[in-house]
């Protein structure tokens, strides 16, 4: 994950969807359109974004949880609340 990934996800949450062109024109992402396209594909491959076709991306449940610091992309698992130290994997299994 890079700072640009976080900014892309934040933009998608705020706007509801994004395309490389919109992200390039918004002024919030300061990398080339080709770099934006690569990051969008990586976020899609990581299941943080869904690709609807025609370059349009929307955020997934995991993407929203990542932004809310409830999802650890390194472990690919949800982080449990403060009352426990266990985590629940994206596939529903538990880890302690």
PDB file of N, CA and C in Angstrom:
ATOM      1  N   UNK A   1       0.841  -1.182   0.000  1.00  0.00           N
ATOM      2  CA  UNK A   1       0.000   0.000   0.000  1.00  0.00           C
ATOM      3  C   UNK A   1       0.884   1.241   0.000  1.00  0.00           C
ATOM      4  N   UNK A   2       0.443   2.229  -0.763  1.00  0.00           N
ATOM      5  CA  UNK A   2       1.157   3.499  -0.817  1.00  0.00           C
ATOM      6  C   UNK A   2       0.214   4.608  -0.364  1.00  0.00           C
ATOM      7  N   UNK A   3       0.768   5.788  -0.154  1.00  0.00           N
ATOM      8  CA  UNK A   3      -0.078   6.936   0.197  1.00  0.00           C
ATOM      9  C   UNK A   3      -1.094   7.201  -0.906  1.00  0.00           C
ATOM     10  N   UNK A   4      -0.709   6.934  -2.152  1.00  0.00           N
ATOM     11  CA  UNK A   4      -1.632   7.155  -3.270  1.00  0.00           C
ATOM     12  C   UNK A   4      -2.791   6.173  -3.217  1.00  0.00           C
ATOM     13  N   UNK A   5      -2.527   4.953  -2.744  1.00  0.00           N
ATOM     14  CA  UNK A   5      -3.612   3.979  -2.597  1.00  0.00           C
ATOM     15  C   UNK A   5      -4.640   4.501  -1.597  1.00  0.00           C
ATOM     16  N   UNK A   6      -4.160   5.001  -0.475  1.00  0.00           N
ATOM     17  CA  UNK A   6      -5.070   5.552   0.529  1.00  0.00           C
ATOM     18  C   UNK A   6      -5.875   6.714  -0.046  1.00  0.00           C
ATOM     19  N   UNK A   7      -5.208   7.590  -0.765  1.00  0.00           N
ATOM     20  CA  UNK A   7      -5.915   8.747  -1.346  1.00  0.00           C
ATOM     21  C   UNK A   7      -6.933   8.315  -2.396  1.00  0.00           C
ATOM     22  N   UNK A   8      -6.577   7.318  -3.188  1.00  0.00           N
ATOM     23  CA  UNK A   8      -7.525   6.798  -4.180  1.00  0.00           C
ATOM     24  C   UNK A   8      -8.754   6.237  -3.480  1.00  0.00           C
ATOM     25  N   UNK A   9      -8.543   5.431  -2.450  1.00  0.00           N
ATOM     26  CA  UNK A   9      -9.675   4.853  -1.718  1.00  0.00           C
ATOM     27  C   UNK A   9     -10.525   5.947  -1.073  1.00  0.00           C
ATOM     28  N   UNK A  10      -9.887   6.958  -0.502  1.00  0.00           N
ATOM     29  CA  UNK A  10     -10.635   8.065   0.103  1.00  0.00           C
ATOM     30  C   UNK A  10     -11.481   8.791  -0.940  1.00  0.00           C
ATOM     31  N   UNK A  11     -10.919   9.006  -2.115  1.00  0.00           N
ATOM     32  CA  UNK A  11     -11.659   9.668  -3.190  1.00  0.00           C
ATOM     33  C   UNK A  11     -12.860   8.825  -3.603  1.00  0.00           C
ATOM     34  N   UNK A  12     -12.659   7.529  -3.761  1.00  0.00           N
ATOM     35  CA  UNK A  12     -13.749   6.648  -4.190  1.00  0.00           C
ATOM     36  C   UNK A  12     -14.869   6.652  -3.157  1.00  0.00           C
ATOM     37  N   UNK A  13     -14.529   6.633  -1.891  1.00  0.00           N
ATOM     38  CA  UNK A  13     -15.555   6.684  -0.844  1.00  0.00           C
ATOM     39  C   UNK A  13     -16.327   7.993  -0.934  1.00  0.00           C
ATOM     40  N   UNK A  14     -15.608   9.090  -1.082  1.00  0.00           N
ATOM     41  CA  UNK A  14     -16.255  10.401  -1.113  1.00  0.00           C
ATOM     42  C   UNK A  14     -17.129  10.590  -2.350  1.00  0.00           C
ATOM     43  N   UNK A  15     -16.651  10.146  -3.502  1.00  0.00           N
ATOM     44  CA  UNK A  15     -17.353  10.372  -4.766  1.00  0.00           C
ATOM     45  C   UNK A  15     -18.277   9.224  -5.174  1.00  0.00           C
ATOM     46  N   UNK A  16     -18.115   8.065  -4.564  1.00  0.00           N
ATOM     47  CA  UNK A  16     -18.944   6.917  -4.904  1.00  0.00           C
ATOM     48  C   UNK A  16     -18.338   6.013  -5.956  1.00  0.00           C
ATOM     49  N   UNK A  17     -17.495   6.559  -6.820  1.00  0.00           N
ATOM     50  CA  UNK A  17     -16.789   5.784  -7.833  1.00  0.00           C
ATOM     51  C   UNK A  17     -15.652   6.642  -8.375  1.00  0.00           C
ATOM     52  N   UNK A  18     -14.794   6.017  -9.162  1.00  0.00           N
ATOM     53  CA  UNK A  18     -13.679   6.761  -9.752  1.00  0.00           C
ATOM     54  C   UNK A  18     -13.234   6.105 -11.040  1.00  0.00           C
ATOM     55  N   UNK A  19     -12.643   6.905 -11.893  1.00  0.00           N
ATOM     56  CA  UNK A  19     -11.983   6.440 -13.104  1.00  0.00           C
ATOM     57  C   UNK A  19     -10.584   7.046 -13.093  1.00  0.00           C
ATOM     58  N   UNK A  20      -9.655   6.480 -13.854  1.00  0.00           N
ATOM     59  CA  UNK A  20      -8.322   7.098 -13.923  1.00  0.00           C
ATOM     60  C   UNK A  20      -8.396   8.566 -14.352  1.00  0.00           C
ATOM     61  N   UNK A  21      -9.261   8.883 -15.292  1.00  0.00           N
ATOM     62  CA  UNK A  21      -9.390  10.261 -15.773  1.00  0.00           C
ATOM     63  C   UNK A  21      -9.856  11.193 -14.660  1.00  0.00           C
ATOM     64  N   UNK A  22     -10.907  10.789 -13.925  1.00  0.00           N
ATOM     65  CA  UNK A  22     -11.419  11.632 -12.843  1.00  0.00           C
ATOM     66  C   UNK A  22     -10.373  11.825 -11.753  1.00  0.00           C
ATOM     67  N   UNK A  23      -9.660  10.751 -11.415  1.00  0.00           N
ATOM     68  CA  UNK A  23      -8.621  10.860 -10.398  1.00  0.00           C
ATOM     69  C   UNK A  23      -7.497  11.769 -10.856  1.00  0.00           C
ATOM     70  N   UNK A  24      -7.148  11.692 -12.113  1.00  0.00           N
ATOM     71  CA  UNK A  24      -6.089  12.537 -12.669  1.00  0.00           C
ATOM     72  C   UNK A  24      -6.503  14.007 -12.641  1.00  0.00           C
ATOM     73  N   UNK A  25      -7.756  14.282 -12.929  1.00  0.00           N
ATOM     74  CA  UNK A  25      -8.245  15.656 -13.012  1.00  0.00           C
ATOM     75  C   UNK A  25      -8.609  16.270 -11.658  1.00  0.00           C
ATOM     76  N   UNK A  26      -8.780  15.454 -10.635  1.00  0.00           N
ATOM     77  CA  UNK A  26      -9.270  15.969  -9.356  1.00  0.00           C
ATOM     78  C   UNK A  26      -8.248  16.826  -8.613  1.00  0.00           C
ATOM     79  N   UNK A  27      -6.967  16.653  -8.900  1.00  0.00           N
ATOM     80  CA  UNK A  27      -5.951  17.431  -8.210  1.00  0.00           C
ATOM     81  C   UNK A  27      -5.557  16.870  -6.855  1.00  0.00           C
ATOM     82  N   UNK A  28      -6.172  15.786  -6.435  1.00  0.00           N
ATOM     83  CA  UNK A  28      -5.906  15.161  -5.139  1.00  0.00           C
ATOM     84  C   UNK A  28      -4.803  14.108  -5.247  1.00  0.00           C
ATOM     85  N   UNK A  29      -4.615  13.576  -6.436  1.00  0.00           N
ATOM     86  CA  UNK A  29      -3.614  12.543  -6.689  1.00  0.00           C
ATOM     87  C   UNK A  29      -2.537  13.146  -7.577  1.00  0.00           C
ATOM     88  N   UNK A  30      -1.304  13.157  -7.094  1.00  0.00           N
ATOM     89  CA  UNK A  30      -0.226  13.840  -7.812  1.00  0.00           C
ATOM     90  C   UNK A  30       0.750  12.858  -8.455  1.00  0.00           C
ATOM     91  N   UNK A  31       0.211  11.925  -9.232  1.00  0.00           N
ATOM     92  CA  UNK A  31       1.016  11.011 -10.042  1.00  0.00           C
ATOM     93  C   UNK A  31       0.367  10.946 -11.420  1.00  0.00           C
ATOM     94  N   UNK A  32       1.058  10.338 -12.364  1.00  0.00           N
ATOM     95  CA  UNK A  32       0.549  10.279 -13.735  1.00  0.00           C
ATOM     96  C   UNK A  32      -0.701   9.404 -13.830  1.00  0.00           C
ATOM     97  N   UNK A  33      -1.451   9.615 -14.901  1.00  0.00           N
ATOM     98  CA  UNK A  33      -2.652   8.811 -15.125  1.00  0.00           C
ATOM     99  C   UNK A  33      -2.299   7.329 -15.272  1.00  0.00           C
ATOM    100  N   UNK A  34      -1.170   7.022 -15.912  1.00  0.00           N
ATOM    101  CA  UNK A  34      -0.779   5.613 -16.046  1.00  0.00           C
ATOM    102  C   UNK A  34      -0.468   5.008 -14.678  1.00  0.00           C
ATOM    103  N   UNK A  35       0.151   5.778 -13.777  1.00  0.00           N
ATOM    104  CA  UNK A  35       0.407   5.291 -12.413  1.00  0.00           C
ATOM    105  C   UNK A  35      -0.914   5.108 -11.670  1.00  0.00           C
ATOM    106  N   UNK A  36      -1.845   6.019 -11.851  1.00  0.00           N
ATOM    107  CA  UNK A  36      -3.168   5.886 -11.235  1.00  0.00           C
ATOM    108  C   UNK A  36      -3.833   4.599 -11.715  1.00  0.00           C
ATOM    109  N   UNK A  37      -3.773   4.336 -13.005  1.00  0.00           N
ATOM    110  CA  UNK A  37      -4.360   3.108 -13.562  1.00  0.00           C
ATOM    111  C   UNK A  37      -3.729   1.864 -12.947  1.00  0.00           C
ATOM    112  N   UNK A  38      -2.411   1.892 -12.785  1.00  0.00           N
ATOM    113  CA  UNK A  38      -1.727   0.745 -12.160  1.00  0.00           C
ATOM    114  C   UNK A  38      -2.175   0.548 -10.723  1.00  0.00           C
ATOM    115  N   UNK A  39      -2.301   1.637  -9.983  1.00  0.00           N
ATOM    116  CA  UNK A  39      -2.717   1.540  -8.575  1.00  0.00           C
ATOM    117  C   UNK A  39      -4.167   1.049  -8.486  1.00  0.00           C
ATOM    118  N   UNK A  40      -5.034   1.510  -9.375  1.00  0.00           N
ATOM    119  CA  UNK A  40      -6.421   1.039  -9.383  1.00  0.00           C
ATOM    120  C   UNK A  40      -6.466  -0.472  -9.628  1.00  0.00           C
ATOM    121  N   UNK A  41      -5.665  -0.948 -10.578  1.00  0.00           N
ATOM    122  CA  UNK A  41      -5.622  -2.391 -10.843  1.00  0.00           C
ATOM    123  C   UNK A  41      -5.120  -3.162  -9.628  1.00  0.00           C
ATOM    124  N   UNK A  42      -4.102  -2.645  -8.953  1.00  0.00           N
ATOM    125  CA  UNK A  42      -3.581  -3.317  -7.759  1.00  0.00           C
ATOM    126  C   UNK A  42      -4.630  -3.344  -6.646  1.00  0.00           C
ATOM    127  N   UNK A  43      -5.338  -2.251  -6.458  1.00  0.00           N
ATOM    128  CA  UNK A  43      -6.388  -2.217  -5.442  1.00  0.00           C
ATOM    129  C   UNK A  43      -7.513  -3.180  -5.794  1.00  0.00           C
ATOM    130  N   UNK A  44      -7.806  -3.317  -7.072  1.00  0.00           N
ATOM    131  CA  UNK A  44      -8.789  -4.291  -7.533  1.00  0.00           C
ATOM    132  C   UNK A  44      -8.287  -5.714  -7.285  1.00  0.00           C
ATOM    133  N   UNK A  45      -7.048  -5.983  -7.633  1.00  0.00           N
ATOM    134  CA  UNK A  45      -6.467  -7.308  -7.405  1.00  0.00           C
ATOM    135  C   UNK A  45      -6.430  -7.653  -5.915  1.00  0.00           C
ATOM    136  N   UNK A  46      -6.300  -6.625  -5.067  1.00  0.00           N
ATOM    137  CA  UNK A  46      -6.298  -6.814  -3.620  1.00  0.00           C
ATOM    138  C   UNK A  46      -7.682  -6.814  -3.006  1.00  0.00           C
ATOM    139  N   UNK A  47      -8.715  -6.769  -3.848  1.00  0.00           N
ATOM    140  CA  UNK A  47     -10.114  -6.805  -3.414  1.00  0.00           C
ATOM    141  C   UNK A  47     -10.512  -5.602  -2.551  1.00  0.00           C
ATOM    142  N   UNK A  48      -9.819  -4.481  -2.728  1.00  0.00           N
ATOM    143  CA  UNK A  48     -10.209  -3.257  -2.031  1.00  0.00           C
ATOM    144  C   UNK A  48     -11.106  -2.393  -2.902  1.00  0.00           C
ATOM    145  N   UNK A  49     -11.072  -2.645  -4.209  1.00  0.00           N
ATOM    146  CA  UNK A  49     -11.961  -1.988  -5.165  1.00  0.00           C
ATOM    147  C   UNK A  49     -12.594  -3.047  -6.061  1.00  0.00           C
ATOM    148  N   UNK A  50     -13.785  -2.752  -6.557  1.00  0.00           N
ATOM    149  CA  UNK A  50     -14.432  -3.556  -7.598  1.00  0.00           C
ATOM    150  C   UNK A  50     -14.358  -2.776  -8.900  1.00  0.00           C
ATOM    151  N   UNK A  51     -14.140  -3.485 -10.005  1.00  0.00           N
ATOM    152  CA  UNK A  51     -14.100  -2.865 -11.327  1.00  0.00           C
ATOM    153  C   UNK A  51     -15.439  -3.130 -12.001  1.00  0.00           C
ATOM    154  N   UNK A  52     -16.161  -2.068 -12.322  1.00  0.00           N
ATOM    155  CA  UNK A  52     -17.484  -2.200 -12.922  1.00  0.00           C
ATOM    156  C   UNK A  52     -17.434  -2.235 -14.442  1.00  0.00           C
ATOM    157  N   UNK A  53     -16.262  -2.010 -15.024  1.00  0.00           N
ATOM    158  CA  UNK A  53     -16.120  -1.931 -16.468  1.00  0.00           C
ATOM    159  C   UNK A  53     -15.940  -0.493 -16.895  1.00  0.00           C
ATOM    160  N   UNK A  54     -15.436  -0.301 -18.108  1.00  0.00           N
ATOM    161  CA  UNK A  54     -15.206   1.035 -18.668  1.00  0.00           C
ATOM    162  C   UNK A  54     -14.359   1.919 -17.758  1.00  0.00           C
ATOM    163  N   UNK A  55     -13.455   1.306 -16.979  1.00  0.00           N
ATOM    164  CA  UNK A  55     -12.560   2.071 -16.123  1.00  0.00           C
ATOM    165  C   UNK A  55     -13.168   2.591 -14.845  1.00  0.00           C
ATOM    166  N   UNK A  56     -14.381   2.172 -14.501  1.00  0.00           N
ATOM    167  CA  UNK A  56     -15.066   2.657 -13.302  1.00  0.00           C
ATOM    168  C   UNK A  56     -14.813   1.687 -12.146  1.00  0.00           C
ATOM    169  N   UNK A  57     -14.389   2.249 -11.025  1.00  0.00           N
ATOM    170  CA  UNK A  57     -14.107   1.460  -9.827  1.00  0.00           C
ATOM    171  C   UNK A  57     -14.952   1.964  -8.663  1.00  0.00           C
ATOM    172  N   UNK A  58     -15.381   1.029  -7.805  1.00  0.00           N
ATOM    173  CA  UNK A  58     -16.095   1.352  -6.566  1.00  0.00           C
ATOM    174  C   UNK A  58     -15.412   0.602  -5.428  1.00  0.00           C
ATOM    175  N   UNK A  59     -15.611   1.082  -4.232  1.00  0.00           N
ATOM    176  CA  UNK A  59     -14.954   0.473  -3.081  1.00  0.00           C
ATOM    177  C   UNK A  59     -15.684  -0.785  -2.631  1.00  0.00           C
ATOM    178  N   UNK A  60     -14.934  -1.731  -2.090  1.00  0.00           N
ATOM    179  CA  UNK A  60     -15.497  -2.957  -1.539  1.00  0.00           C
ATOM    180  C   UNK A  60     -15.648  -2.819  -0.023  1.00  0.00           C
ATOM    181  N   UNK A  61     -16.272  -3.809   0.581  1.00  0.00           N
ATOM    182  CA  UNK A  61     -16.397  -3.838   2.033  1.00  0.00           C
ATOM    183  C   UNK A  61     -15.012  -3.836   2.690  1.00  0.00           C
ATOM    184  N   UNK A  62     -14.077  -4.612   2.127  1.00  0.00           N
ATOM    185  CA  UNK A  62     -12.724  -4.655   2.667  1.00  0.00           C
ATOM    186  C   UNK A  62     -12.029  -3.301   2.506  1.00  0.00           C
ATOM    187  N   UNK A  63     -12.271  -2.627   1.391  1.00  0.00           N
ATOM    188  CA  UNK A  63     -11.687  -1.307   1.177  1.00  0.00           C
ATOM    189  C   UNK A  63     -12.177  -0.294   2.202  1.00  0.00           C
ATOM    190  N   UNK A  64     -13.463  -0.318   2.488  1.00  0.00           N
ATOM    191  CA  UNK A  64     -14.013   0.579   3.510  1.00  0.00           C
ATOM    192  C   UNK A  64     -13.440   0.240   4.877  1.00  0.00           C
ATOM    193  N   UNK A  65     -13.370  -1.058   5.188  1.00  0.00           N
ATOM    194  CA  UNK A  65     -12.816  -1.482   6.476  1.00  0.00           C
ATOM    195  C   UNK A  65     -11.351  -1.080   6.599  1.00  0.00           C
ATOM    196  N   UNK A  66     -10.582  -1.164   5.512  1.00  0.00           N
ATOM    197  CA  UNK A  66      -9.183  -0.744   5.528  1.00  0.00           C
ATOM    198  C   UNK A  66      -9.084   0.738   5.893  1.00  0.00           C
ATOM    199  N   UNK A  67      -9.889   1.581   5.269  1.00  0.00           N
ATOM    200  CA  UNK A  67      -9.847   3.008   5.567  1.00  0.00           C
ATOM    201  C   UNK A  67     -10.240   3.312   7.006  1.00  0.00           C
ATOM    202  N   UNK A  68     -11.101   2.477   7.573  1.00  0.00           N
ATOM    203  CA  UNK A  68     -11.540   2.655   8.962  1.00  0.00           C
ATOM    204  C   UNK A  68     -10.620   1.931   9.936  1.00  0.00           C
ATOM    205  N   UNK A  69      -9.497   1.423   9.424  1.00  0.00           N
ATOM    206  CA  UNK A  69      -8.502   0.699  10.218  1.00  0.00           C
ATOM    207  C   UNK A  69      -9.095  -0.535  10.899  1.00  0.00           C
ATOM    208  N   UNK A  70     -10.062  -1.164  10.214  1.00  0.00           N
ATOM    209  CA  UNK A  70     -10.664  -2.401  10.710  1.00  0.00           C
ATOM    210  C   UNK A  70     -10.221  -3.599   9.892  1.00  0.00           C
ATOM    211  N   UNK A  71      -9.345  -3.374   8.905  1.00  0.00           N
ATOM    212  CA  UNK A  71      -8.899  -4.440   8.027  1.00  0.00           C
ATOM    213  C   UNK A  71      -7.403  -4.303   7.799  1.00  0.00           C
ATOM    214  N   UNK A  72      -6.668  -5.382   8.051  1.00  0.00           N
ATOM    215  CA  UNK A  72      -5.215  -5.405   7.892  1.00  0.00           C
ATOM    216  C   UNK A  72      -4.886  -6.059   6.554  1.00  0.00           C
ATOM    217  N   UNK A  73      -4.412  -5.277   5.590  1.00  0.00           N
ATOM    218  CA  UNK A  73      -4.125  -5.832   4.261  1.00  0.00           C
ATOM    219  C   UNK A  73      -2.902  -6.728   4.270  1.00  0.00           C
ATOM    220  N   UNK A  74      -1.980  -6.535   5.208  1.00  0.00           N
ATOM    221  CA  UNK A  74      -0.807  -7.396   5.282  1.00  0.00           C
ATOM    222  C   UNK A  74      -1.175  -8.813   5.718  1.00  0.00           C
ATOM    223  N   UNK A  75      -2.117  -8.931   6.633  1.00  0.00           N
ATOM    224  CA  UNK A  75      -2.568 -10.245   7.119  1.00  0.00           C
ATOM    225  C   UNK A  75      -3.821 -10.731   6.398  1.00  0.00           C
ATOM    226  N   UNK A  76      -4.436  -9.856   5.616  1.00  0.00           N
ATOM    227  CA  UNK A  76      -5.698 -10.105   4.936  1.00  0.00           C
ATOM    228  C   UNK A  76      -6.746 -10.603   5.930  1.00  0.00           C
ATOM    229  N   UNK A  77      -6.933  -9.793   6.987  1.00  0.00           N
ATOM    230  CA  UNK A  77      -7.895 -10.163   8.011  1.00  0.00           C
ATOM    231  C   UNK A  77      -8.500  -8.913   8.638  1.00  0.00           C
ATOM    232  N   UNK A  78      -9.695  -9.083   9.156  1.00  0.00           N
ATOM    233  CA  UNK A  78     -10.363  -8.014   9.883  1.00  0.00           C
ATOM    234  C   UNK A  78      -9.773  -7.943  11.280  1.00  0.00           C
ATOM    235  N   UNK A  79      -9.691  -6.727  11.810  1.00  0.00           N
ATOM    236  CA  UNK A  79      -9.175  -6.505  13.143  1.00  0.00           C
ATOM    237  C   UNK A  79     -10.357  -6.422  14.082  1.00  0.00           C
ATOM    238  N   UNK A  80     -10.308  -7.202  15.159  1.00  0.00           N
ATOM    239  CA  UNK A  80     -11.390  -7.198  16.137  1.00  0.00           C
ATOM    240  C   UNK A  80     -11.293  -5.948  16.990  1.00  0.00           C
ATOM    241  N   UNK A  81     -12.391  -5.582  17.621  1.00  0.00           N
ATOM    242  CA  UNK A  81     -12.445  -4.394  18.468  1.00  0.00           C
ATOM    243  C   UNK A  81     -11.473  -4.458  19.630  1.00  0.00           C
ATOM    244  N   UNK A  82     -11.429  -3.414  20.418  1.00  0.00           N
ATOM    245  CA  UNK A  82     -10.484  -3.264  21.514  1.00  0.00           C
ATOM    246  C   UNK A  82     -10.643  -4.320  22.594  1.00  0.00           C
ATOM    247  N   UNK A  83     -11.814  -4.923  22.721  1.00  0.00           N
ATOM    248  CA  UNK A  83     -12.045  -5.887  23.790  1.00  0.00           C
ATOM    249  C   UNK A  83     -11.312  -7.205  23.593  1.00  0.00           C
ATOM    250  N   UNK A  84     -10.797  -7.482  22.410  1.00  0.00           N
ATOM    251  CA  UNK A  84     -10.094  -8.733  22.173  1.00  0.00           C
ATOM    252  C   UNK A  84      -8.887  -8.527  21.299  1.00  0.00           C
ATOM    253  N   UNK A  85      -8.059  -9.564  21.215  1.00  0.00           N
ATOM    254  CA  UNK A  85      -6.871  -9.444  20.380  1.00  0.00           C
ATOM    255  C   UNK A  85      -6.924 -10.377  19.187  1.00  0.00           C
ATOM    256  N   UNK A  86      -8.025 -11.099  19.047  1.00  0.00           N
ATOM    257  CA  UNK A  86      -8.163 -12.021  17.921  1.00  0.00           C
ATOM    258  C   UNK A  86      -8.551 -11.252  16.677  1.00  0.00           C
ATOM    259  N   UNK A  87      -8.291 -11.859  15.533  1.00  0.00           N
ATOM    260  CA  UNK A  87      -8.700 -11.275  14.266  1.00  0.00           C
ATOM    261  C   UNK A  87      -9.552 -12.279  13.519  1.00  0.00           C
ATOM    262  N   UNK A  88     -10.423 -11.785  12.697  1.00  0.00           N
ATOM    263  CA  UNK A  88     -11.240 -12.652  11.843  1.00  0.00           C
ATOM    264  C   UNK A  88     -10.776 -12.483  10.420  1.00  0.00           C
ATOM    265  N   UNK A  89     -10.444 -13.567   9.768  1.00  0.00           N
ATOM    266  CA  UNK A  89      -9.978 -13.506   8.393  1.00  0.00           C
ATOM    267  C   UNK A  89     -11.104 -13.128   7.470  1.00  0.00           C
ATOM    268  N   UNK A  90     -10.749 -12.649   6.289  1.00  0.00           N
ATOM    269  CA  UNK A  90     -11.743 -12.272   5.297  1.00  0.00           C
ATOM    270  C   UNK A  90     -12.616 -13.450   4.907  1.00  0.00           C
ATOM    271  N   UNK A  91     -12.104 -14.666   5.045  1.00  0.00           N
ATOM    272  CA  UNK A  91     -12.900 -15.847   4.709  1.00  0.00           C
ATOM    273  C   UNK A  91     -13.777 -16.322   5.851  1.00  0.00           C
ATOM    274  N   UNK A  92     -13.727 -15.591   7.013  1.00  0.00           N
ATOM    275  CA  UNK A  92     -14.607 -15.898   8.132  1.00  0.00           C
ATOM    276  C   UNK A  92     -13.962 -16.731   9.222  1.00  0.00           C
ATOM    277  N   UNK A  93     -12.747 -17.240   9.029  1.00  0.00           N
ATOM    278  CA  UNK A  93     -12.096 -18.018  10.062  1.00  0.00           C
ATOM    279  C   UNK A  93     -11.483 -17.086  11.095  1.00  0.00           C
ATOM    280  N   UNK A  94     -11.254 -17.593  12.287  1.00  0.00           N
ATOM    281  CA  UNK A  94     -10.697 -16.772  13.364  1.00  0.00           C
ATOM    282  C   UNK A  94      -9.253 -17.136  13.597  1.00  0.00           C
ATOM    283  N   UNK A  95      -8.482 -16.138  14.007  1.00  0.00           N
ATOM    284  CA  UNK A  95      -7.096 -16.325  14.393  1.00  0.00           C
ATOM    285  C   UNK A  95      -6.921 -15.712  15.762  1.00  0.00           C
ATOM    286  N   UNK A  96      -6.046 -16.290  16.582  1.00  0.00           N
ATOM    287  CA  UNK A  96      -5.752 -15.704  17.896  1.00  0.00           C
ATOM    288  C   UNK A  96      -4.282 -15.506  18.059  1.00  0.00           C
TER     289      UNK A  96
END
